[in-house]
Amino acid sequence: MKKAPCQQSATALTHKQLPLESAVTAFREAHTLLAELQPFTLEEISAKLMAIGEKHTTSGKAGPFRGQMRLAVTGQQVSPPLFESVLALGRARVVERLDQILALWGRQHQLLVTTINENQRLAHACACSSSADCAQI
C-alpha cells in the first residue's frame, strides 16, 4: 500500500459533501476514535467510522467521508476497502497517518491565516497612504 498522501493539499481530502471544516473535525474524531477504540475489531471500526461520516457530511451519508478517509489511510481513492485496510494496517500506522494529515491541515491553515493577515495589512497600508492621520504600518 502507498503511504498517506501527506504531500497533497488539504483540499485533496475534502469533498463537495465534506467541506474543509467538516473534514478536519471528522478526521480529528476518527483519529481519537482509532487511537482509543477497544476492541479494535472490524465491526467496531466499521460502525464507529460510519457514524462519524454520517455526522459530518452535508448529505448525512458516510460515503464522502469514507472515500476521503480511504485516501488518507491508504493513499488510494478506490479500493482497498477502508475498514479492512484500517484493521490490516493496525492502529499505530493508521493513527500515524492521520497525525500527518492533521499536521498538514494545521500547516496549511496557518499559511492561510498568515496570507490573510498580510493581505489585510497591505490593504490597510494602501488605504492609509493618502491619509495624514493613519498610523504607520
Protein backbone atom coordinates (compact mmCIF):
# COMPACT_ATOMS: atom_id res chain seq x y z
CA MET A 1 0.00 0.00 0.00
CA LYS A 2 1.06 3.56 -0.60
CA LYS A 3 1.90 5.93 2.20
CA ALA A 4 -0.60 8.53 3.31
CA PRO A 5 -0.88 11.42 0.83
CA CYS A 6 0.89 13.91 3.06
CA GLN A 7 2.33 15.79 0.13
CA GLN A 8 -1.16 16.64 -1.12
CA SER A 9 -3.10 19.75 -0.27
CA ALA A 10 -5.71 19.82 2.43
CA THR A 11 -8.42 20.25 -0.16
CA ALA A 12 -7.50 16.88 -1.71
CA LEU A 13 -9.07 15.31 1.36
CA THR A 14 -12.32 17.23 1.14
CA HIS A 15 -15.44 16.59 -0.91
CA LYS A 16 -18.38 18.71 -2.01
CA GLN A 17 -20.37 16.94 0.73
CA LEU A 18 -17.47 17.11 3.19
CA PRO A 19 -16.20 20.71 3.25
CA LEU A 20 -12.86 21.54 4.83
CA GLU A 21 -14.15 22.46 8.30
CA SER A 22 -16.24 19.28 8.46
CA ALA A 23 -13.38 17.19 7.11
CA VAL A 24 -10.96 18.46 9.74
CA THR A 25 -13.46 17.79 12.53
CA ALA A 26 -14.31 14.33 11.18
CA PHE A 27 -10.64 13.37 10.81
CA ARG A 28 -9.90 14.56 14.36
CA GLU A 29 -12.77 12.44 15.66
CA ALA A 30 -11.57 9.46 13.62
CA HIS A 31 -8.04 9.93 14.98
CA THR A 32 -9.26 9.96 18.59
CA LEU A 33 -11.58 7.03 17.97
CA LEU A 34 -8.97 4.83 16.34
CA ALA A 35 -6.32 5.70 18.92
CA GLU A 36 -8.61 4.59 21.76
CA LEU A 37 -11.06 2.05 20.27
CA GLN A 38 -11.49 -1.14 22.26
CA PRO A 39 -11.93 -3.73 20.95
CA PHE A 40 -10.12 -2.86 17.72
CA THR A 41 -12.28 -5.10 15.52
CA LEU A 42 -13.69 -4.81 12.03
CA GLU A 43 -17.21 -4.47 13.40
CA GLU A 44 -16.31 -1.66 15.81
CA ILE A 45 -14.15 0.19 13.28
CA SER A 46 -16.89 -0.03 10.67
CA ALA A 47 -19.75 1.08 12.90
CA LYS A 48 -17.89 3.97 14.51
CA LEU A 49 -16.35 5.37 11.32
CA MET A 50 -19.72 5.15 9.55
CA ALA A 51 -21.26 7.16 12.39
CA ILE A 52 -18.55 9.83 12.10
CA GLY A 53 -19.10 10.05 8.35
CA GLU A 54 -22.87 10.34 8.67
CA LYS A 55 -22.46 13.03 11.32
CA HIS A 56 -20.14 15.29 9.32
CA THR A 57 -21.25 15.11 5.68
CA THR A 58 -23.80 17.57 4.40
CA SER A 59 -25.86 14.69 2.99
CA GLY A 60 -25.83 12.69 6.21
CA LYS A 61 -24.30 9.77 4.30
CA ALA A 62 -20.92 8.33 5.19
CA GLY A 63 -19.72 7.73 1.61
CA PRO A 64 -17.88 11.02 1.05
CA PHE A 65 -16.07 10.71 4.38
CA ARG A 66 -15.22 7.07 3.76
CA GLY A 67 -13.69 7.95 0.39
CA GLN A 68 -11.53 10.71 1.83
CA MET A 69 -10.59 8.57 4.82
CA ARG A 70 -9.55 5.79 2.43
CA LEU A 71 -7.32 8.25 0.59
CA ALA A 72 -5.76 9.42 3.87
CA VAL A 73 -5.18 5.89 5.16
CA THR A 74 -4.16 4.02 2.01
CA GLY A 75 -3.14 6.75 -0.42
CA GLN A 76 -5.67 5.40 -2.92
CA GLN A 77 -9.02 6.82 -3.96
CA VAL A 78 -10.58 3.46 -4.79
CA SER A 79 -10.11 0.09 -3.14
CA PRO A 80 -9.00 -1.48 -0.95
CA PRO A 81 -11.95 -1.39 1.42
CA LEU A 82 -11.48 1.21 4.14
CA PHE A 83 -12.43 -0.72 7.26
CA GLU A 84 -10.42 -3.81 6.31
CA SER A 85 -7.45 -1.56 5.46
CA VAL A 86 -7.61 0.11 8.88
CA LEU A 87 -7.63 -3.28 10.56
CA ALA A 88 -4.85 -4.69 8.37
CA LEU A 89 -2.59 -1.65 8.77
CA GLY A 90 -3.13 -1.62 12.50
CA ARG A 91 -3.89 1.10 14.99
CA ALA A 92 -0.39 2.61 15.19
CA ARG A 93 0.12 3.05 11.43
CA VAL A 94 -3.36 4.45 10.83
CA VAL A 95 -3.10 6.89 13.74
CA GLU A 96 0.33 7.98 12.48
CA ARG A 97 -1.08 8.63 9.02
CA LEU A 98 -3.96 10.63 10.48
CA ASP A 99 -1.42 12.60 12.56
CA GLN A 100 0.32 13.50 9.29
CA ILE A 101 -2.94 14.60 7.67
CA LEU A 102 -3.96 16.72 10.67
CA ALA A 103 -0.49 18.29 10.73
CA LEU A 104 -0.82 19.07 7.01
CA TRP A 105 -4.12 20.82 7.64
CA GLY A 106 -2.58 22.71 10.54
CA ARG A 107 0.32 23.97 8.41
CA GLN A 108 -1.97 24.94 5.55
CA HIS A 109 -4.39 26.65 7.91
CA GLN A 110 -1.54 28.67 9.44
CA LEU A 111 -0.29 29.64 5.97
CA LEU A 112 -3.80 30.76 5.01
CA VAL A 113 -4.16 32.86 8.18
CA THR A 114 -0.74 34.43 7.60
CA THR A 115 -1.66 35.25 3.99
CA ILE A 116 -4.98 36.78 5.02
CA ASN A 117 -3.31 38.87 7.72
CA GLU A 118 -0.66 40.10 5.26
CA ASN A 119 -3.32 40.97 2.68
CA GLN A 120 -5.28 42.91 5.29
CA ARG A 121 -2.14 44.76 6.37
CA LEU A 122 -1.32 45.67 2.76
CA ALA A 123 -4.90 46.78 2.07
CA HIS A 124 -4.77 48.96 5.18
CA ALA A 125 -1.44 50.43 4.09
CA CYS A 126 -2.82 51.26 0.64
CA ALA A 127 -5.92 52.86 2.11
CA CYS A 128 -3.84 54.88 4.53
CA SER A 129 -1.17 56.01 2.11
CA SER A 130 -3.06 59.20 1.35
CA SER A 131 -4.37 59.74 4.89
CA ALA A 132 -2.35 62.00 7.17
CA ASP A 133 -3.88 60.63 10.37
CA CYS A 134 -3.25 56.94 9.67
CA ALA A 135 -0.69 55.29 11.94
CA GLN A 136 2.45 53.86 10.41
CA ILE A 137 2.24 50.20 9.43
